[in-house]
Amino acid sequence: MSEYRHFIAYMYEYEDGKKTKNAGFVKVNMRNGICRMQLKIRGGRKEPMECRIYGFFHEREWLYGILMGRSVMRGGSCECTVTTSENVFQEQGYSFTQISGVWIQAETEEKQPGGLFLTVWDERPVDSRKLTTEHFTEKKKDETESEAEPLIHATSGDIFINLNTTS
């Protein structure tokens, strides 16, 4: 039987890294490798804005976002349904079960910030100033390779203890 998750989460507007007010909600359905989200948010600006919708993951101290879709905010509100295949996340090394929440970034036609909205599903603290779309896969690989190198280089006659637990 396939995994099925269904829940509703509140969306909050963030300013200067802090949660300020309730801005709406998202209904989430995850089943058979498909995530369908129905979003309803309202923001302060009335001018039309593009909204980029990300699923985000905790990655060290950062919140890494993967684009799930786009919508438009008109008259200070945005209502849309976003459907995303789990393959979008798997290509970046993640799965639906690892999603920490949803991040919506609104932007004016002049590419000026128009609003930042988040919902957190895993109860972990977030600082919206740590949101990024930079991919960490190469960093993970580089750090893993550097960790695999011995921390102490032995010369003949020295006692060497390998503190590395990987084989």
Foldseek 3Di string as FASTA:
>chain_A
DWDKDWDKFWKFWDDQQDTDGTFWIWIWIDTPQKIKIWTKGFADDAAKWKKWKWFWADDPQATATQTQDIFIAHGRMTTDMTMHGQVSVVVLPDGPVRGQWMWIWIAHPVRHTDTIMITGDPPDDGGVVRYDNDRCPVVVVVVVVVLPDAPDDDDPPDDDDGPDPDD
